[in-house]
Amino acid sequence: MIVTLEVMKRIEVRELEYFLAVADTLHFARAADNLGIASPPLSRAIAQLERRLGTPLFERTSRRVELTAAGRVFKTEARNTLRCLDRAVRRAQHGGDGPLRIATPPGTGAGLLREAVRDYLARFGRGALEMVFTREQICAVRDGLADVALVCSAADLTGLHAHSVASERPVVLVSTDHPFAVQGAVTLTRVVQDPAYAADLPSVGLDALIDLVATGQLVAVVGDSAVDRLGRHVVAIPVTGLPKSDVQLAWPADSPHPRIGGLVDVIEQLQRRSRVAL
């Protein structure tokens, strides 16, 4: 599929949104309902888009709608295009800059990240950085809700640039009166059998997470960087059966936030200076 510059000039944002609505549902009537329009205008818009591209995007029968090979490619690129446009709008609304938003999983907040946030704010000023606590860090970046994500190396980083930060060993956080608290290590099998164990941690910062553990409401597996923030009511026990996790920063390769370089520079200075684990 060859798309000329003239074709690209004629494609509208509305057409990309219409196409993605059908591509996501594989049902014209349902897509039209989601968009709040009638089915005939949607069908005409998709047909016009296919004529402009010079290739069918959908295979249509009386029973089903499927994406063609070209449609699958266009779905990925159309979504990326809308995400880039959304980021551009957000940047423009903040005068081209705005705070650097870091998407980070619940339970993170110690070690190198804490030091990096402190040094970054000292360099760029208060309000220059925001933390977004979420279990869907990559989605947050791709959807324009965050500028950079703190992720493990196993994450799908397609379309993102990554920078290695540190490695973490898994530990389970429990209250001091929990049976695990007196053990030197515990297996993952035993951890997941605990009634208070949660695989999906609440989307809160580390301090709030520790409060839940201290009161016996939660048993949580996190990286060992959390150890220096536990206080006297929570202990961290090594978990066997889980490998170390390599931690990375990831951000859009095609439209990085202007101050991404500043954050990377702060982290590299900290790594050289102290080698603290995240």
Protein backbone atom coordinates (compact mmCIF):
# COMPACT_ATOMS: atom_id res chain seq x y z
CA MET A 1 0.00 0.00 0.00
CA ILE A 2 1.62 3.24 -1.22
CA VAL A 3 0.15 6.45 0.21
CA THR A 4 1.20 9.69 -1.50
CA LEU A 5 1.53 13.04 0.22
CA GLU A 6 -1.55 14.29 -1.63
CA VAL A 7 -3.58 11.39 -0.23
CA MET A 8 -2.37 12.12 3.30
CA LYS A 9 -3.38 15.77 2.94
CA ARG A 10 -6.96 14.74 2.16
CA ILE A 11 -7.35 12.28 5.05
CA GLU A 12 -9.12 13.88 8.00
CA VAL A 13 -8.91 13.09 11.71
CA ARG A 14 -12.61 12.24 11.64
CA GLU A 15 -11.95 9.53 9.05
CA LEU A 16 -9.25 7.95 11.19
CA GLU A 17 -11.61 7.95 14.17
CA TYR A 18 -14.35 6.35 12.05
CA PHE A 19 -11.97 3.70 10.75
CA LEU A 20 -10.72 2.82 14.25
CA ALA A 21 -14.27 2.57 15.57
CA VAL A 22 -15.05 -0.08 12.95
CA ALA A 23 -11.65 -1.77 13.29
CA ASP A 24 -12.11 -2.12 17.06
CA THR A 25 -15.66 -3.51 16.92
CA LEU A 26 -15.64 -5.24 13.49
CA HIS A 27 -19.29 -4.23 13.31
CA PHE A 28 -20.51 -1.18 11.35
CA ALA A 29 -23.79 -0.71 13.23
CA ARG A 30 -22.10 -1.00 16.63
CA ALA A 31 -19.31 1.36 15.58
CA ALA A 32 -21.87 3.89 14.31
CA ASP A 33 -23.73 3.69 17.61
CA ASN A 34 -20.48 4.26 19.54
CA LEU A 35 -19.75 7.29 17.37
CA GLY A 36 -23.28 8.66 17.68
CA ILE A 37 -23.95 8.64 13.93
CA ALA A 38 -26.07 6.58 11.54
CA SER A 39 -24.63 3.54 9.77
CA PRO A 40 -24.93 4.80 6.14
CA PRO A 41 -22.67 7.87 6.62
CA LEU A 42 -20.12 5.67 8.38
CA SER A 43 -20.13 3.13 5.56
CA ARG A 44 -19.72 5.92 2.99
CA ALA A 45 -16.82 7.44 4.95
CA ILE A 46 -15.00 4.10 5.13
CA ALA A 47 -15.57 3.46 1.42
CA GLN A 48 -14.20 6.92 0.61
CA LEU A 49 -11.14 6.29 2.79
CA GLU A 50 -10.50 2.99 0.99
CA ARG A 51 -10.74 4.73 -2.40
CA ARG A 52 -8.22 7.35 -1.30
CA LEU A 53 -5.82 4.70 -0.08
CA GLY A 54 -6.37 2.56 -3.14
CA THR A 55 -6.87 -0.64 -1.15
CA PRO A 56 -9.66 -2.31 0.85
CA LEU A 57 -9.31 -2.08 4.62
CA PHE A 58 -12.12 -4.49 5.46
CA GLU A 59 -13.45 -7.75 4.11
CA ARG A 60 -17.23 -7.55 4.29
CA THR A 61 -19.69 -10.42 4.03
CA SER A 62 -23.32 -10.73 5.08
CA ARG A 63 -22.17 -12.44 8.28
CA ARG A 64 -18.98 -10.70 9.38
CA VAL A 65 -16.49 -7.88 8.97
CA GLU A 66 -12.74 -8.55 9.09
CA LEU A 67 -9.65 -6.41 8.62
CA THR A 68 -7.55 -7.03 5.54
CA ALA A 69 -3.77 -7.21 5.83
CA ALA A 70 -3.64 -3.54 4.79
CA GLY A 71 -6.36 -2.78 7.34
CA ARG A 72 -4.34 -4.30 10.16
CA VAL A 73 -1.32 -2.19 9.24
CA PHE A 74 -3.45 0.94 8.89
CA LYS A 75 -5.10 0.30 12.27
CA THR A 76 -1.74 0.44 14.04
CA GLU A 77 -0.57 3.52 12.16
CA ALA A 78 -3.89 5.36 12.49
CA ARG A 79 -3.92 4.84 16.24
CA ASN A 80 -0.31 6.06 16.49
CA THR A 81 -1.20 9.12 14.42
CA LEU A 82 -4.09 10.07 16.70
CA ARG A 83 -1.92 9.55 19.78
CA CYS A 84 0.78 11.82 18.35
CA LEU A 85 -1.84 14.43 17.53
CA ASP A 86 -3.24 14.21 21.05
CA ARG A 87 0.23 14.67 22.53
CA ALA A 88 0.81 17.66 20.25
CA VAL A 89 -2.43 19.28 21.42
CA ARG A 90 -1.57 18.68 25.08
CA ARG A 91 1.91 20.14 24.60
CA ALA A 92 0.50 23.20 22.83
CA GLN A 93 -1.97 23.75 25.66
CA HIS A 94 0.96 23.81 28.08
CA GLY A 95 2.90 26.30 25.99
CA GLY A 96 5.00 23.55 24.39
CA ASP A 97 6.38 22.35 27.68
CA GLY A 98 4.41 21.63 30.84
CA PRO A 99 5.26 19.22 33.65
CA LEU A 100 6.94 15.92 32.86
CA ARG A 101 4.43 13.20 33.79
CA ILE A 102 5.92 9.87 34.92
CA ALA A 103 3.67 6.80 34.85
CA THR A 104 4.83 4.48 37.58
CA PRO A 105 3.35 1.29 39.05
CA PRO A 106 1.92 1.32 42.58
CA GLY A 107 4.55 0.42 45.16
CA THR A 108 7.36 2.39 43.54
CA GLY A 109 8.85 5.42 45.21
CA ALA A 110 12.19 4.67 46.84
CA GLY A 111 15.82 4.44 45.86
CA LEU A 112 16.90 5.97 42.59
CA LEU A 113 13.45 7.19 41.58
CA ARG A 114 13.03 9.16 44.80
CA GLU A 115 16.50 10.67 44.42
CA ALA A 116 15.88 11.43 40.74
CA VAL A 117 12.58 13.20 41.46
CA ARG A 118 14.22 15.30 44.16
CA ASP A 119 17.17 16.31 41.94
CA TYR A 120 14.93 16.90 38.92
CA LEU A 121 12.69 19.28 40.87
CA ALA A 122 15.75 21.06 42.25
CA ARG A 123 16.96 21.61 38.69
CA PHE A 124 13.69 22.53 36.97
CA GLY A 125 11.57 23.89 39.82
CA ARG A 126 8.47 22.86 41.75
CA GLY A 127 5.64 21.74 39.50
CA ALA A 128 8.04 20.52 36.81
CA LEU A 129 7.10 16.87 37.39
CA GLU A 130 3.94 14.87 38.09
CA MET A 131 3.61 11.23 39.19
CA VAL A 132 0.87 9.12 37.59
CA PHE A 133 0.29 5.93 39.57
CA THR A 134 -1.12 3.21 37.31
CA ARG A 135 -0.70 -0.47 36.48
CA GLU A 136 -0.96 0.41 32.77
CA GLN A 137 2.13 2.57 32.42
CA ILE A 138 2.73 1.82 28.73
CA CYS A 139 -0.90 2.53 27.85
CA ALA A 140 -0.70 5.80 29.77
CA VAL A 141 2.25 6.91 27.64
CA ARG A 142 0.75 5.72 24.35
CA ASP A 143 -2.58 7.38 25.14
CA GLY A 144 -0.94 10.69 26.03
CA LEU A 145 -1.78 10.52 29.73
CA ALA A 146 1.91 10.40 30.69
CA ASP A 147 5.17 11.40 29.02
CA VAL A 148 7.43 8.64 30.30
CA ALA A 149 6.82 5.26 31.94
CA LEU A 150 8.75 3.29 34.51
CA VAL A 151 8.51 -0.31 33.29
CA CYS A 152 10.15 -3.71 33.51
CA SER A 153 12.18 -4.96 30.57
CA ALA A 154 9.54 -7.58 29.70
CA ALA A 155 7.06 -4.88 28.63
CA ASP A 156 6.16 -4.38 24.96
CA LEU A 157 8.16 -1.28 24.04
CA THR A 158 7.22 -1.11 20.36
CA GLY A 159 7.47 2.50 19.20
CA LEU A 160 9.12 3.59 22.44
CA HIS A 161 12.67 4.53 23.31
CA ALA A 162 13.97 2.86 26.48
CA HIS A 163 16.72 3.72 28.94
CA SER A 164 17.94 1.18 31.51
CA VAL A 165 17.69 2.35 35.10
CA ALA A 166 18.35 -0.46 37.57
CA SER A 167 17.46 -3.98 38.70
CA GLU A 168 15.16 -5.00 41.53
CA ARG A 169 14.74 -8.19 43.53
CA PRO A 170 11.15 -9.11 44.48
CA VAL A 171 10.13 -8.89 48.13
CA VAL A 172 6.78 -9.39 49.83
CA LEU A 173 5.62 -6.68 52.22
CA VAL A 174 3.75 -7.89 55.32
CA SER A 175 2.87 -6.48 58.72
CA THR A 176 5.22 -7.31 61.60
CA ASP A 177 2.65 -9.66 63.14
CA HIS A 178 2.18 -11.65 59.92
CA PRO A 179 3.43 -15.30 59.91
CA PHE A 180 5.82 -14.49 57.03
CA ALA A 181 7.52 -11.77 59.09
CA VAL A 182 9.81 -14.18 60.96
CA GLN A 183 10.94 -16.10 57.88
CA GLY A 184 14.13 -15.56 55.92
CA ALA A 185 12.39 -16.09 52.58
CA VAL A 186 9.03 -17.25 51.27
CA THR A 187 7.98 -18.92 48.02
CA LEU A 188 5.69 -17.22 45.54
CA THR A 189 3.27 -20.14 45.87
CA ARG A 190 2.77 -19.40 49.57
CA VAL A 191 2.47 -15.67 48.97
CA VAL A 192 -0.37 -15.97 46.45
CA GLN A 193 -2.30 -18.24 48.82
CA ASP A 194 -2.48 -15.53 51.48
CA PRO A 195 -6.02 -14.07 51.67
CA ALA A 196 -4.67 -10.51 51.76
CA TYR A 197 -2.44 -10.96 48.69
CA ALA A 198 -3.28 -8.76 45.71
CA ALA A 199 -1.70 -9.33 42.32
CA ASP A 200 -3.11 -5.99 41.12
CA LEU A 201 -2.03 -3.38 43.62
CA PRO A 202 -4.23 -0.33 44.25
CA SER A 203 -3.20 2.71 42.21
CA VAL A 204 -1.66 4.66 45.08
CA GLY A 205 1.81 5.79 46.09
CA LEU A 206 4.21 3.70 48.14
CA ASP A 207 3.40 5.37 51.46
CA ALA A 208 -0.33 4.63 51.11
CA LEU A 209 0.50 1.07 50.07
CA ILE A 210 2.65 0.59 53.18
CA ASP A 211 -0.21 1.85 55.36
CA LEU A 212 -2.49 -0.84 53.92
CA VAL A 213 0.14 -3.51 54.62
CA ALA A 214 0.77 -2.24 58.16
CA THR A 215 -2.92 -2.56 59.04
CA GLY A 216 -3.14 -6.10 57.68
CA GLN A 217 -5.33 -5.18 54.71
CA LEU A 218 -2.76 -6.06 52.06
CA VAL A 219 0.11 -8.42 51.28
CA ALA A 220 2.06 -7.00 48.35
CA VAL A 221 4.99 -8.09 46.19
CA VAL A 222 7.15 -5.13 45.15
CA GLY A 223 10.76 -4.39 44.26
CA ASP A 224 13.34 -4.32 47.03
CA SER A 225 13.83 -0.58 46.54
CA ALA A 226 10.84 -0.14 48.84
CA VAL A 227 12.76 -1.46 51.86
CA ASP A 228 14.09 1.92 53.02
CA ARG A 229 10.57 3.35 53.35
CA LEU A 230 8.84 0.65 55.42
CA GLY A 231 8.86 2.03 58.94
CA ARG A 232 8.54 -0.16 62.03
CA HIS A 233 5.20 -1.85 61.31
CA VAL A 234 6.07 -3.49 57.97
CA VAL A 235 8.82 -5.92 56.94
CA ALA A 236 10.06 -7.06 53.54
CA ILE A 237 10.75 -10.76 52.97
CA PRO A 238 12.60 -12.03 49.85
CA VAL A 239 10.39 -14.01 47.45
CA THR A 240 11.86 -17.15 45.90
CA GLY A 241 10.67 -18.31 42.50
CA LEU A 242 10.71 -14.85 40.94
CA PRO A 243 13.64 -13.44 38.94
CA LYS A 244 15.17 -10.00 39.30
CA SER A 245 13.38 -7.33 37.29
CA ASP A 246 15.25 -4.91 35.06
CA VAL A 247 13.68 -1.46 35.32
CA GLN A 248 13.60 0.98 32.40
CA LEU A 249 12.27 4.38 31.48
CA ALA A 250 10.29 4.36 28.23
CA TRP A 251 8.91 7.25 26.19
CA PRO A 252 7.61 7.87 22.63
CA ALA A 253 10.46 7.65 20.17
CA ASP A 254 8.81 10.06 17.73
CA SER A 255 7.72 12.86 20.08
CA PRO A 256 9.62 12.95 23.37
CA HIS A 257 8.83 15.55 26.02
CA PRO A 258 11.41 18.39 25.85
CA ARG A 259 12.68 17.57 29.36
CA ILE A 260 13.09 13.80 28.98
CA GLY A 261 16.79 14.41 28.46
CA GLY A 262 16.95 16.26 31.76
CA LEU A 263 15.47 13.31 33.65
CA VAL A 264 17.82 10.84 31.97
CA ASP A 265 20.78 13.08 32.80
CA VAL A 266 19.73 13.24 36.48
CA ILE A 267 19.41 9.44 36.65
CA GLU A 268 22.77 8.85 34.98
CA GLN A 269 24.47 11.22 37.42
CA LEU A 270 22.90 9.36 40.35
CA GLN A 271 23.96 6.01 38.92
CA ARG A 272 27.53 7.17 38.58
CA ARG A 273 27.57 8.83 41.99
CA SER A 274 25.99 6.27 44.25
CA ARG A 275 24.78 3.22 42.30
CA VAL A 276 21.59 3.14 44.37
CA ALA A 277 19.05 0.57 43.25
CA LEU A 278 15.64 1.79 42.17
